[in-house]
Amino acid sequence: MASSKGYLDFLLEQLSELSDVTWRAMMGEYIIYYQGKIVGGIYDDRFLVKPTKSAAAMMPNANMEVPYEGAKEMLLVDNVENKKFLRELLEAMYEELPTPKKKR
């Protein structure tokens, strides 16, 4: 099942307190970037983030879920209604995320 554009729009509104949040469509799903780094994505209308130490600390009871077959597990964000929490989550994760590789 692909994710809906409506869920993407909802999540982007929830992340609107952050500057430089972008997205890219990929095979019916959406990859979410914060300041150029991949934080996670929308998969089957679920917001999943990379399991960084800070994300795990902020969501100690979060379920680990597979975004698609063959992928690594990610943390399910079930508190998507809370803008302040989402802002703090992405800000906390940022330093732990890898810098994107330069394209040739």
N, C-alpha and C. Protein backbone atom coordinates (compact mmCIF):
# COMPACT_ATOMS: atom_id res chain seq x y z
N MET A 1 0.83 -1.18 0.00
CA MET A 1 0.00 0.00 0.00
C MET A 1 0.88 1.25 0.00
N ALA A 2 0.64 2.14 -0.90
CA ALA A 2 1.39 3.39 -0.97
C ALA A 2 0.82 4.39 0.04
N SER A 3 1.64 5.35 0.39
CA SER A 3 1.21 6.41 1.30
C SER A 3 0.42 7.46 0.55
N SER A 4 -0.47 8.13 1.25
CA SER A 4 -1.31 9.15 0.62
C SER A 4 -0.65 10.52 0.66
N LYS A 5 -0.95 11.32 -0.32
CA LYS A 5 -0.46 12.70 -0.37
C LYS A 5 -1.06 13.48 0.81
N GLY A 6 -2.26 13.11 1.21
CA GLY A 6 -2.91 13.77 2.35
C GLY A 6 -2.12 13.58 3.64
N TYR A 7 -1.59 12.37 3.86
CA TYR A 7 -0.79 12.13 5.07
C TYR A 7 0.51 12.91 5.00
N LEU A 8 1.12 12.97 3.81
CA LEU A 8 2.33 13.78 3.63
C LEU A 8 2.03 15.24 3.98
N ASP A 9 0.95 15.78 3.45
CA ASP A 9 0.59 17.17 3.73
C ASP A 9 0.37 17.39 5.23
N PHE A 10 -0.30 16.45 5.89
CA PHE A 10 -0.52 16.53 7.34
C PHE A 10 0.81 16.57 8.08
N LEU A 11 1.71 15.65 7.74
CA LEU A 11 2.99 15.58 8.44
C LEU A 11 3.82 16.84 8.19
N LEU A 12 3.83 17.33 6.96
CA LEU A 12 4.59 18.55 6.67
C LEU A 12 4.05 19.73 7.47
N GLU A 13 2.73 19.80 7.66
CA GLU A 13 2.15 20.85 8.50
C GLU A 13 2.61 20.67 9.94
N GLN A 14 2.67 19.44 10.43
CA GLN A 14 3.13 19.18 11.79
C GLN A 14 4.61 19.55 11.96
N LEU A 15 5.38 19.47 10.90
CA LEU A 15 6.82 19.80 10.95
C LEU A 15 7.09 21.26 10.55
N SER A 16 6.05 22.05 10.40
CA SER A 16 6.20 23.41 9.88
C SER A 16 6.95 24.36 10.82
N GLU A 17 7.13 23.99 12.08
CA GLU A 17 7.91 24.84 13.00
C GLU A 17 9.41 24.72 12.74
N LEU A 18 9.81 23.73 11.96
CA LEU A 18 11.22 23.54 11.61
C LEU A 18 11.49 24.18 10.25
N SER A 19 12.68 24.75 10.13
CA SER A 19 13.05 25.26 8.80
C SER A 19 13.79 24.17 8.05
N ASP A 20 13.68 24.19 6.75
CA ASP A 20 14.42 23.29 5.87
C ASP A 20 14.01 21.82 6.00
N VAL A 21 12.71 21.57 6.07
CA VAL A 21 12.19 20.20 5.97
C VAL A 21 11.76 20.02 4.52
N THR A 22 12.30 19.00 3.88
CA THR A 22 11.95 18.71 2.49
C THR A 22 11.57 17.24 2.37
N TRP A 23 11.08 16.87 1.21
CA TRP A 23 10.66 15.50 0.99
C TRP A 23 10.91 15.12 -0.46
N ARG A 24 10.93 13.80 -0.68
CA ARG A 24 11.08 13.29 -2.04
C ARG A 24 10.21 12.04 -2.15
N ALA A 25 9.44 11.96 -3.22
CA ALA A 25 8.62 10.78 -3.46
C ALA A 25 9.52 9.66 -3.96
N MET A 26 9.27 8.45 -3.45
CA MET A 26 10.06 7.30 -3.89
C MET A 26 9.18 6.06 -3.83
N MET A 27 8.85 5.53 -4.98
CA MET A 27 8.09 4.28 -5.11
C MET A 27 6.81 4.28 -4.27
N GLY A 28 6.04 5.34 -4.34
CA GLY A 28 4.77 5.43 -3.63
C GLY A 28 4.88 5.83 -2.17
N GLU A 29 6.09 6.06 -1.72
CA GLU A 29 6.32 6.49 -0.33
C GLU A 29 7.04 7.83 -0.36
N TYR A 30 7.37 8.38 0.80
CA TYR A 30 8.00 9.70 0.88
C TYR A 30 9.18 9.67 1.84
N ILE A 31 10.33 10.14 1.38
CA ILE A 31 11.52 10.27 2.21
C ILE A 31 11.49 11.69 2.79
N ILE A 32 11.74 11.82 4.08
CA ILE A 32 11.71 13.12 4.77
C ILE A 32 13.14 13.52 5.13
N TYR A 33 13.49 14.75 4.77
CA TYR A 33 14.81 15.31 5.03
C TYR A 33 14.68 16.48 5.99
N TYR A 34 15.67 16.62 6.87
CA TYR A 34 15.77 17.80 7.73
C TYR A 34 17.17 18.36 7.54
N GLN A 35 17.25 19.59 7.07
CA GLN A 35 18.52 20.27 6.78
C GLN A 35 19.42 19.39 5.92
N GLY A 36 18.83 18.73 4.93
CA GLY A 36 19.58 17.95 3.96
C GLY A 36 19.90 16.53 4.38
N LYS A 37 19.56 16.14 5.61
CA LYS A 37 19.83 14.78 6.08
C LYS A 37 18.52 13.99 6.14
N ILE A 38 18.59 12.72 5.77
CA ILE A 38 17.40 11.86 5.84
C ILE A 38 17.12 11.51 7.30
N VAL A 39 15.91 11.87 7.77
CA VAL A 39 15.51 11.52 9.13
C VAL A 39 14.64 10.29 9.14
N GLY A 40 13.95 10.05 8.05
CA GLY A 40 13.05 8.91 7.98
C GLY A 40 12.14 9.04 6.78
N GLY A 41 10.93 8.57 6.94
CA GLY A 41 10.02 8.64 5.82
C GLY A 41 8.60 8.25 6.20
N ILE A 42 7.74 8.39 5.23
CA ILE A 42 6.34 7.98 5.38
C ILE A 42 6.18 6.70 4.57
N TYR A 43 5.81 5.64 5.26
CA TYR A 43 5.64 4.33 4.66
C TYR A 43 4.27 3.79 5.08
N ASP A 44 3.41 3.51 4.13
CA ASP A 44 2.05 3.04 4.42
C ASP A 44 1.35 3.95 5.42
N ASP A 45 1.48 5.25 5.19
CA ASP A 45 0.89 6.28 6.05
C ASP A 45 1.32 6.14 7.52
N ARG A 46 2.58 5.76 7.71
CA ARG A 46 3.20 5.72 9.04
C ARG A 46 4.48 6.55 8.94
N PHE A 47 4.75 7.38 9.96
CA PHE A 47 5.99 8.15 10.00
C PHE A 47 7.02 7.33 10.77
N LEU A 48 8.04 6.88 10.07
CA LEU A 48 9.12 6.10 10.66
C LEU A 48 10.41 6.91 10.60
N VAL A 49 11.20 6.87 11.68
CA VAL A 49 12.47 7.59 11.71
C VAL A 49 13.61 6.62 11.97
N LYS A 50 14.80 7.07 11.61
CA LYS A 50 15.99 6.26 11.85
C LYS A 50 16.17 6.05 13.35
N PRO A 51 16.61 4.87 13.75
CA PRO A 51 16.72 4.58 15.19
C PRO A 51 18.00 5.13 15.81
N THR A 52 18.11 6.44 15.86
CA THR A 52 19.27 7.06 16.50
C THR A 52 19.13 6.94 18.02
N LYS A 53 20.23 7.16 18.74
CA LYS A 53 20.19 7.08 20.20
C LYS A 53 19.21 8.10 20.78
N SER A 54 19.23 9.31 20.24
CA SER A 54 18.35 10.34 20.78
C SER A 54 16.88 10.04 20.49
N ALA A 55 16.59 9.51 19.31
CA ALA A 55 15.20 9.15 18.98
C ALA A 55 14.71 8.03 19.89
N ALA A 56 15.56 7.04 20.11
CA ALA A 56 15.19 5.93 21.00
C ALA A 56 14.99 6.42 22.44
N ALA A 57 15.80 7.39 22.87
CA ALA A 57 15.66 7.94 24.21
C ALA A 57 14.37 8.73 24.36
N MET A 58 13.99 9.44 23.30
CA MET A 58 12.76 10.25 23.36
C MET A 58 11.50 9.41 23.20
N MET A 59 11.65 8.22 22.60
CA MET A 59 10.50 7.33 22.39
C MET A 59 10.86 5.93 22.88
N PRO A 60 11.06 5.76 24.19
CA PRO A 60 11.54 4.47 24.70
C PRO A 60 10.59 3.30 24.46
N ASN A 61 9.32 3.57 24.26
CA ASN A 61 8.35 2.50 24.05
C ASN A 61 7.91 2.37 22.59
N ALA A 62 8.61 3.05 21.69
CA ALA A 62 8.24 3.02 20.27
C ALA A 62 8.45 1.64 19.68
N ASN A 63 7.55 1.27 18.80
CA ASN A 63 7.69 0.01 18.09
C ASN A 63 8.73 0.16 16.98
N MET A 64 9.49 -0.91 16.79
CA MET A 64 10.42 -0.98 15.65
C MET A 64 9.65 -1.64 14.52
N GLU A 65 9.61 -0.99 13.36
CA GLU A 65 8.86 -1.52 12.24
C GLU A 65 9.71 -1.47 10.98
N VAL A 66 9.41 -2.36 10.06
CA VAL A 66 10.11 -2.42 8.79
C VAL A 66 9.33 -1.57 7.79
N PRO A 67 9.97 -0.58 7.17
CA PRO A 67 9.24 0.27 6.23
C PRO A 67 8.79 -0.46 4.96
N TYR A 68 9.61 -1.39 4.50
CA TYR A 68 9.29 -2.20 3.33
C TYR A 68 10.16 -3.45 3.39
N GLU A 69 9.78 -4.45 2.65
CA GLU A 69 10.48 -5.74 2.69
C GLU A 69 11.96 -5.57 2.36
N GLY A 70 12.81 -6.12 3.20
CA GLY A 70 14.25 -6.08 2.99
C GLY A 70 14.94 -4.87 3.61
N ALA A 71 14.18 -3.96 4.19
CA ALA A 71 14.77 -2.75 4.80
C ALA A 71 15.09 -2.99 6.28
N LYS A 72 15.93 -2.12 6.82
CA LYS A 72 16.24 -2.15 8.25
C LYS A 72 15.06 -1.59 9.04
N GLU A 73 14.93 -2.05 10.27
CA GLU A 73 13.85 -1.56 11.12
C GLU A 73 14.06 -0.09 11.46
N MET A 74 12.94 0.60 11.62
CA MET A 74 12.94 2.00 11.99
C MET A 74 11.96 2.19 13.15
N LEU A 75 12.05 3.33 13.81
CA LEU A 75 11.16 3.65 14.93
C LEU A 75 9.86 4.26 14.43
N LEU A 76 8.74 3.73 14.90
CA LEU A 76 7.43 4.29 14.55
C LEU A 76 7.15 5.48 15.46
N VAL A 77 6.87 6.63 14.85
CA VAL A 77 6.50 7.82 15.61
C VAL A 77 4.98 7.82 15.73
N ASP A 78 4.49 7.60 16.94
CA ASP A 78 3.04 7.56 17.12
C ASP A 78 2.49 8.85 17.71
N ASN A 79 3.34 9.82 17.95
CA ASN A 79 2.94 11.10 18.54
C ASN A 79 2.99 12.20 17.48
N VAL A 80 2.47 11.91 16.28
CA VAL A 80 2.58 12.87 15.18
C VAL A 80 1.66 14.08 15.35
N GLU A 81 0.74 14.04 16.29
CA GLU A 81 -0.15 15.18 16.51
C GLU A 81 0.54 16.30 17.30
N ASN A 82 1.68 16.01 17.92
CA ASN A 82 2.36 16.95 18.79
C ASN A 82 3.50 17.65 18.05
N LYS A 83 3.25 18.87 17.58
CA LYS A 83 4.25 19.62 16.80
C LYS A 83 5.53 19.86 17.59
N LYS A 84 5.39 20.21 18.87
CA LYS A 84 6.56 20.49 19.70
C LYS A 84 7.43 19.25 19.82
N PHE A 85 6.81 18.10 20.06
CA PHE A 85 7.56 16.85 20.17
C PHE A 85 8.29 16.54 18.86
N LEU A 86 7.61 16.70 17.72
CA LEU A 86 8.24 16.41 16.43
C LEU A 86 9.43 17.34 16.18
N ARG A 87 9.27 18.61 16.52
CA ARG A 87 10.38 19.55 16.36
C ARG A 87 11.57 19.12 17.21
N GLU A 88 11.32 18.82 18.47
CA GLU A 88 12.40 18.41 19.37
C GLU A 88 13.04 17.09 18.92
N LEU A 89 12.24 16.17 18.40
CA LEU A 89 12.74 14.89 17.92
C LEU A 89 13.72 15.08 16.77
N LEU A 90 13.32 15.83 15.75
CA LEU A 90 14.19 16.03 14.59
C LEU A 90 15.44 16.82 14.95
N GLU A 91 15.28 17.83 15.82
CA GLU A 91 16.46 18.60 16.25
C GLU A 91 17.44 17.72 17.01
N ALA A 92 16.92 16.84 17.86
CA ALA A 92 17.79 15.95 18.65
C ALA A 92 18.50 14.94 17.75
N MET A 93 17.80 14.45 16.75
CA MET A 93 18.37 13.43 15.86
C MET A 93 19.43 13.99 14.92
N TYR A 94 19.34 15.26 14.58
CA TYR A 94 20.13 15.84 13.49
C TYR A 94 21.62 15.53 13.57
N GLU A 95 22.24 15.76 14.72
CA GLU A 95 23.69 15.57 14.83
C GLU A 95 24.11 14.11 14.66
N GLU A 96 23.23 13.20 14.97
CA GLU A 96 23.55 11.76 14.86
C GLU A 96 23.38 11.21 13.45
N LEU A 97 22.72 11.95 12.60
CA LEU A 97 22.46 11.46 11.24
C LEU A 97 23.68 11.64 10.35
N PRO A 98 23.91 10.70 9.45
CA PRO A 98 25.06 10.83 8.56
C PRO A 98 24.88 11.97 7.57
N THR A 99 26.02 12.59 7.24
CA THR A 99 26.00 13.64 6.21
C THR A 99 25.83 12.96 4.85
N PRO A 100 24.93 13.50 4.02
CA PRO A 100 24.73 12.87 2.71
C PRO A 100 26.02 12.86 1.89
N LYS A 101 26.18 11.80 1.12
CA LYS A 101 27.34 11.71 0.23
C LYS A 101 27.19 12.69 -0.91
N LYS A 102 28.31 13.28 -1.30
CA LYS A 102 28.30 14.24 -2.42
C LYS A 102 28.09 13.49 -3.72
N LYS A 103 27.22 14.05 -4.57
CA LYS A 103 27.01 13.45 -5.89
C LYS A 103 28.09 13.92 -6.83
N ARG A 104 28.50 13.01 -7.69
CA ARG A 104 29.55 13.36 -8.64
C ARG A 104 29.02 14.12 -9.83
